[in-house]
Protein backbone atom coordinates (compact mmCIF):
# COMPACT_ATOMS: atom_id res chain seq x y z
CA UNK A 1 35.21 -32.35 -40.20
CA UNK A 2 35.71 -28.85 -41.47
CA UNK A 3 38.36 -26.15 -41.24
CA UNK A 4 37.18 -24.96 -37.80
CA UNK A 5 39.99 -26.85 -36.05
CA UNK A 6 43.77 -26.91 -36.38
CA UNK A 7 44.64 -29.98 -38.43
CA UNK A 8 48.28 -30.12 -37.33
CA UNK A 9 48.17 -31.86 -33.96
CA UNK A 10 51.56 -30.39 -32.97
CA UNK A 11 49.98 -26.93 -32.77
CA UNK A 12 49.12 -25.55 -29.37
CA UNK A 13 45.89 -23.72 -30.18
CA UNK A 14 42.24 -24.59 -30.65
CA UNK A 15 39.16 -22.66 -31.73
CA UNK A 16 36.03 -21.73 -29.82
CA UNK A 17 33.73 -20.11 -32.31
CA UNK A 18 35.90 -17.59 -34.13
CA UNK A 19 38.29 -17.18 -31.19
CA UNK A 20 41.69 -18.85 -31.01
CA UNK A 21 42.72 -20.04 -27.55
CA UNK A 22 45.49 -22.15 -26.05
CA UNK A 23 44.74 -25.85 -26.43
CA UNK A 24 44.79 -26.19 -22.65
CA UNK A 25 42.91 -23.79 -20.39
CA UNK A 26 42.72 -23.11 -16.66
CA UNK A 27 39.76 -24.15 -14.54
CA UNK A 28 39.32 -21.68 -11.68
CA UNK A 29 36.99 -23.63 -9.38
CA UNK A 30 39.62 -24.91 -6.87
CA UNK A 31 40.58 -21.32 -6.07
CA UNK A 32 37.15 -20.48 -4.69
CA UNK A 33 35.39 -23.51 -3.19
CA UNK A 34 36.09 -25.62 -0.11
CA UNK A 35 39.81 -26.03 0.59
CA UNK A 36 40.69 -22.91 -1.38
CA UNK A 37 44.04 -21.18 -0.84
CA UNK A 38 44.62 -17.60 0.27
CA UNK A 39 43.63 -14.99 -2.30
CA UNK A 40 47.22 -13.90 -2.90
CA UNK A 41 48.19 -17.49 -3.71
CA UNK A 42 45.35 -17.81 -6.21
CA UNK A 43 46.38 -14.59 -7.91
CA UNK A 44 49.91 -15.95 -8.29
CA UNK A 45 48.43 -19.08 -9.84
CA UNK A 46 46.41 -17.04 -12.37
CA UNK A 47 49.50 -15.02 -13.23
CA UNK A 48 51.45 -18.25 -13.74
CA UNK A 49 48.82 -19.52 -16.17
CA UNK A 50 49.08 -16.31 -18.14
CA UNK A 51 52.89 -16.43 -18.02
CA UNK A 52 52.71 -19.96 -19.46
CA UNK A 53 50.66 -18.71 -22.41
CA UNK A 54 47.27 -20.11 -21.41
CA UNK A 55 44.61 -17.90 -22.98
CA UNK A 56 41.44 -19.64 -21.77
CA UNK A 57 40.19 -19.33 -18.20
CA UNK A 58 36.99 -21.09 -17.18
CA UNK A 59 35.01 -19.83 -14.20
CA UNK A 60 31.39 -19.62 -12.97
CA UNK A 61 29.30 -17.43 -10.74
CA UNK A 62 28.67 -20.48 -8.52
CA UNK A 63 32.36 -21.02 -7.74
CA UNK A 64 32.16 -19.80 -4.17
CA UNK A 65 32.31 -21.36 -0.73
CA UNK A 66 30.33 -19.15 1.62
CA UNK A 67 26.90 -17.56 1.51
CA UNK A 68 26.83 -14.06 0.10
CA UNK A 69 29.92 -14.42 -2.07
CA UNK A 70 28.39 -15.39 -5.41
CA UNK A 71 30.92 -14.68 -8.16
CA UNK A 72 33.95 -15.11 -5.87
CA UNK A 73 35.95 -16.79 -8.63
CA UNK A 74 34.84 -14.36 -11.32
CA UNK A 75 36.11 -11.47 -9.22
CA UNK A 76 39.33 -13.35 -8.56
CA UNK A 77 39.90 -13.98 -12.27
CA UNK A 78 39.15 -10.34 -13.08
CA UNK A 79 41.67 -9.20 -10.48
CA UNK A 80 44.26 -11.66 -11.77
CA UNK A 81 43.92 -10.36 -15.31
CA UNK A 82 43.96 -6.75 -14.16
CA UNK A 83 47.10 -7.13 -12.03
CA UNK A 84 49.11 -9.27 -14.46
CA UNK A 85 52.07 -7.49 -16.00
CA UNK A 86 51.38 -8.60 -19.57
CA UNK A 87 48.73 -7.95 -22.21
CA UNK A 88 45.64 -9.96 -21.33
CA UNK A 89 43.55 -8.78 -24.28
CA UNK A 90 43.84 -12.17 -26.01
CA UNK A 91 42.56 -14.12 -23.00
CA UNK A 92 39.09 -15.61 -23.32
CA UNK A 93 37.23 -15.78 -20.02
CA UNK A 94 34.43 -18.33 -20.08
CA UNK A 95 31.91 -18.21 -17.26
CA UNK A 96 28.72 -20.07 -16.44
CA UNK A 97 25.31 -19.47 -14.88
CA UNK A 98 22.50 -21.70 -13.70
CA UNK A 99 23.83 -23.04 -10.40
CA UNK A 100 23.72 -21.46 -6.95
CA UNK A 101 25.80 -22.25 -3.87
CA UNK A 102 24.02 -21.07 -0.73
CA UNK A 103 27.02 -21.70 1.53
CA UNK A 104 26.07 -25.07 3.01
CA UNK A 105 28.07 -27.13 0.52
CA UNK A 106 25.14 -27.78 -1.79
CA UNK A 107 24.67 -26.93 -5.46
CA UNK A 108 21.18 -25.73 -6.43
CA UNK A 109 19.90 -25.39 -10.00
CA UNK A 110 18.10 -22.40 -11.46
CA UNK A 111 17.51 -22.47 -15.20
CA UNK A 112 14.73 -19.89 -15.34
CA UNK A 113 15.37 -17.56 -18.29
CA UNK A 114 14.84 -14.41 -16.25
CA UNK A 115 17.35 -15.62 -13.68
CA UNK A 116 19.97 -16.54 -16.31
CA UNK A 117 19.67 -13.16 -18.02
CA UNK A 118 20.10 -11.36 -14.72
CA UNK A 119 22.97 -13.64 -13.69
CA UNK A 120 24.84 -13.05 -16.96
CA UNK A 121 24.67 -9.30 -16.53
CA UNK A 122 25.97 -9.63 -12.97
CA UNK A 123 28.82 -11.85 -14.23
CA UNK A 124 29.75 -9.24 -16.83
CA UNK A 125 29.84 -6.60 -14.10
CA UNK A 126 32.09 -8.72 -11.87
CA UNK A 127 34.40 -9.55 -14.76
CA UNK A 128 34.57 -5.89 -15.71
CA UNK A 129 33.61 -6.46 -19.35
CA UNK A 130 30.99 -5.02 -21.67
CA UNK A 131 30.36 -8.48 -23.14
CA UNK A 132 31.26 -11.90 -21.74
CA UNK A 133 33.49 -13.82 -24.13
CA UNK A 134 31.78 -17.20 -23.59
CA UNK A 135 28.72 -17.71 -21.39
CA UNK A 136 27.65 -21.27 -20.63
CA UNK A 137 24.43 -22.65 -19.16
CA UNK A 138 25.90 -24.59 -16.24
CA UNK A 139 23.47 -27.46 -15.75
CA UNK A 140 19.89 -28.23 -16.82
CA UNK A 141 17.14 -27.45 -14.33
CA UNK A 142 14.63 -30.34 -14.07
CA UNK A 143 11.83 -27.82 -13.40
CA UNK A 144 12.52 -25.68 -16.49
CA UNK A 145 12.40 -26.80 -20.12
CA UNK A 146 15.96 -26.98 -21.40
CA UNK A 147 15.00 -25.11 -24.58
CA UNK A 148 13.61 -22.27 -22.48
CA UNK A 149 16.85 -21.97 -20.54
CA UNK A 150 18.87 -21.92 -23.75
CA UNK A 151 16.46 -19.33 -25.08
CA UNK A 152 17.88 -16.93 -22.51
CA UNK A 153 21.27 -17.32 -24.18
CA UNK A 154 19.69 -16.30 -27.49
CA UNK A 155 18.49 -13.06 -25.93
CA UNK A 156 21.85 -12.44 -24.29
CA UNK A 157 23.61 -12.91 -27.64
CA UNK A 158 21.19 -10.64 -29.44
CA UNK A 159 21.51 -7.95 -26.76
CA UNK A 160 25.31 -8.11 -26.87
CA UNK A 161 25.67 -9.14 -23.23
CA UNK A 162 27.65 -12.21 -24.35
CA UNK A 163 29.73 -12.85 -27.47
CA UNK A 164 29.43 -16.65 -27.55
CA UNK A 165 27.10 -19.20 -25.97
CA UNK A 166 27.85 -22.65 -24.60
CA UNK A 167 26.22 -25.40 -22.55
CA UNK A 168 27.56 -27.73 -19.87
CA UNK A 169 26.78 -31.17 -18.42
CA UNK A 170 24.66 -32.26 -21.37
CA UNK A 171 23.96 -35.24 -23.62
CA UNK A 172 23.87 -35.36 -27.45
CA UNK A 173 20.13 -34.68 -27.61
CA UNK A 174 20.55 -31.56 -25.50
CA UNK A 175 23.40 -30.45 -27.77
CA UNK A 176 21.10 -30.69 -30.78
CA UNK A 177 18.31 -28.84 -28.97
CA UNK A 178 20.69 -26.04 -28.02
CA UNK A 179 22.10 -25.79 -31.53
CA UNK A 180 18.56 -25.53 -32.91
CA UNK A 181 17.36 -22.94 -30.36
CA UNK A 182 20.51 -20.89 -30.88
CA UNK A 183 20.08 -20.99 -34.65
CA UNK A 184 23.44 -22.68 -35.22
CA UNK A 185 25.32 -20.35 -32.84
CA UNK A 186 26.30 -22.92 -30.20
CA UNK A 187 30.04 -22.39 -29.64
CA UNK A 188 30.95 -25.01 -27.06
CA UNK A 189 30.01 -27.92 -24.85
CA UNK A 190 31.61 -28.50 -21.45
CA UNK A 191 31.44 -31.99 -19.94
CA UNK A 192 33.65 -34.11 -17.75
CA UNK A 193 36.17 -36.16 -19.77
CA UNK A 194 39.34 -37.94 -18.67
CA UNK A 195 40.97 -41.39 -18.62
CA UNK A 196 38.88 -41.95 -15.48
CA UNK A 197 35.66 -40.72 -17.05
CA UNK A 198 35.02 -41.51 -20.71
CA UNK A 199 31.22 -41.42 -20.69
CA UNK A 200 31.22 -38.14 -22.64
CA UNK A 201 32.78 -39.66 -25.74
CA UNK A 202 29.40 -39.40 -27.52
CA UNK A 203 29.26 -35.69 -26.78
CA UNK A 204 32.80 -35.24 -28.09
CA UNK A 205 31.80 -36.97 -31.31
CA UNK A 206 28.72 -34.78 -31.68
CA UNK A 207 30.83 -31.67 -31.18
CA UNK A 208 33.15 -32.81 -33.95
CA UNK A 209 30.19 -33.38 -36.25
CA UNK A 210 28.80 -29.92 -35.53
CA UNK A 211 32.17 -28.16 -35.61
CA UNK A 212 32.06 -26.85 -32.06
CA UNK A 213 34.54 -26.98 -29.19
CA UNK A 214 34.43 -29.48 -26.35
CA UNK A 215 35.77 -28.18 -23.04
CA UNK A 216 36.88 -31.14 -20.92
CA UNK A 217 36.60 -30.43 -17.21
CA UNK A 218 38.33 -32.64 -14.65
CA UNK A 219 40.65 -33.95 -17.41
CA UNK A 220 42.87 -35.46 -14.70
CA UNK A 221 39.97 -37.09 -12.89
CA UNK A 222 39.19 -34.44 -10.30
CA UNK A 223 40.37 -33.76 -6.76
CA UNK A 224 42.68 -36.47 -5.50
CA UNK A 225 42.62 -38.45 -8.73
CA UNK A 226 45.56 -36.98 -10.66
CA UNK A 227 48.11 -38.74 -8.48
CA UNK A 228 46.41 -42.07 -9.13
CA UNK A 229 46.94 -42.05 -12.89
CA UNK A 230 50.04 -44.22 -12.69
CA UNK A 231 48.38 -46.42 -10.09
CA UNK A 232 45.19 -47.18 -12.02
CA UNK A 233 46.61 -46.85 -15.51
CA UNK A 234 50.21 -48.02 -15.33
CA UNK A 235 50.84 -47.24 -18.99
CA UNK A 236 50.49 -43.52 -18.26
CA UNK A 237 53.49 -43.79 -15.94
CA UNK A 238 55.35 -45.88 -18.53
CA UNK A 239 54.75 -43.40 -21.33
CA UNK A 240 55.59 -40.51 -19.00
CA UNK A 241 58.93 -42.10 -18.10
CA UNK A 242 59.69 -42.61 -21.79
CA UNK A 243 59.13 -38.91 -22.50
CA UNK A 244 60.57 -37.71 -19.16
CA UNK A 245 57.33 -35.92 -18.26
CA UNK A 246 54.60 -36.43 -15.63
CA UNK A 247 51.69 -38.90 -16.01
CA UNK A 248 49.40 -35.86 -15.72
CA UNK A 249 51.02 -34.30 -18.79
CA UNK A 250 50.53 -37.56 -20.67
CA UNK A 251 46.84 -37.59 -19.70
CA UNK A 252 46.35 -34.07 -21.05
CA UNK A 253 48.27 -34.91 -24.22
CA UNK A 254 46.07 -38.00 -24.62
CA UNK A 255 42.92 -35.87 -24.37
CA UNK A 256 44.28 -33.45 -26.97
CA UNK A 257 45.06 -36.29 -29.35
CA UNK A 258 41.65 -37.89 -28.81
CA UNK A 259 39.99 -35.17 -30.85
CA UNK A 260 40.77 -31.76 -32.29
CA UNK A 261 37.57 -30.53 -30.63
CA UNK A 262 38.84 -31.22 -27.11
CA UNK A 263 40.22 -28.42 -24.92
CA UNK A 264 41.18 -29.71 -21.45
CA UNK A 265 40.61 -27.21 -18.64
CA UNK A 266 42.30 -28.71 -15.57
CA UNK A 267 41.32 -27.05 -12.34
CA UNK A 268 44.28 -25.76 -10.35
CA UNK A 269 45.21 -23.38 -7.58
CA UNK A 270 48.99 -23.80 -7.41
CA UNK A 271 51.54 -22.32 -9.85
CA UNK A 272 53.54 -25.55 -10.06
CA UNK A 273 50.46 -27.56 -11.04
CA UNK A 274 49.54 -25.03 -13.71
CA UNK A 275 53.09 -25.08 -15.03
CA UNK A 276 52.99 -28.86 -15.29
CA UNK A 277 49.68 -28.78 -17.18
CA UNK A 278 50.84 -26.07 -19.58
CA UNK A 279 53.94 -28.08 -20.49
CA UNK A 280 51.68 -30.90 -21.72
CA UNK A 281 51.33 -28.82 -24.89
CA UNK A 282 54.88 -29.83 -25.76
CA UNK A 283 54.34 -33.57 -25.22
CA UNK A 284 54.33 -35.34 -28.58
CA UNK A 285 52.81 -38.80 -28.24
CA UNK A 286 53.73 -41.46 -30.78
CA UNK A 287 51.25 -43.83 -32.37
CA UNK A 288 52.70 -46.57 -30.16
CA UNK A 289 52.07 -44.40 -27.09
CA UNK A 290 48.49 -43.79 -28.15
CA UNK A 291 47.86 -47.48 -28.78
CA UNK A 292 49.06 -48.33 -25.27
CA UNK A 293 47.10 -45.53 -23.61
CA UNK A 294 43.89 -46.17 -25.54
CA UNK A 295 44.12 -49.88 -24.83
CA UNK A 296 44.24 -49.21 -21.10
CA UNK A 297 41.59 -46.50 -21.04
CA UNK A 298 38.98 -48.12 -23.24
CA UNK A 299 39.51 -51.58 -21.76
CA UNK A 300 38.83 -50.07 -18.33
CA UNK A 301 35.82 -48.16 -19.67
């Protein structure tokens, strides 16, 4: 491990490339897909995240519900940043391309280089930026060579459309391919990782070896799962009671302690949920806590 990460685990920041961000980010998907709240409510949620000091917001052009509203969440995030009363210049907005939602509930893949280059430029327009802070290839297309899709990110970097490149929903081999195609410029990997889903531990380890960030989506298990932490993993409720915090905060603190590469990005659409997640940055787990939590998680895995 090198100096790319913060060695003091009490610190509340992490690094993505050369950019410092809060160690917990905000996932914007729930604000734009099925079951989404009213726009005004989502804007309040984004403002709450910023008020809590979160400086990483993850979105995607495919976070929409209906046909004809591609980029719904990107536009929402842009509006939230624009209407917030503070200085949002330090906020890193990470978006993704490579998936399409036609409005019937499905998710379609498109990893063609020409499509990704066009999609990135449209994302930049919606976000209102000259260059996207972090652009991630959302998911591999089985009909397009992965290296060819990543090659589009190379062109976007070289043209200045994006500042950093990442990949999502990948395995260690794909990480190595992307790092090679990008000439060592891969900044991040985004995979699912939580006490409920530990299959990405190999990808976390590879990120540590390469010195790149690992963005953990669904760090609380996904929709409907957060409330079951104490039910399925009783020790999370026990540790939470000991620290007088929520089991969800303990789960986020556990992810942060798992590796200095990990940046949890819990999806949320309510200010109170975002507040709870942000406060996980102040949860200091003891070695005894970690032994109990790890015993439960890895035994279950």
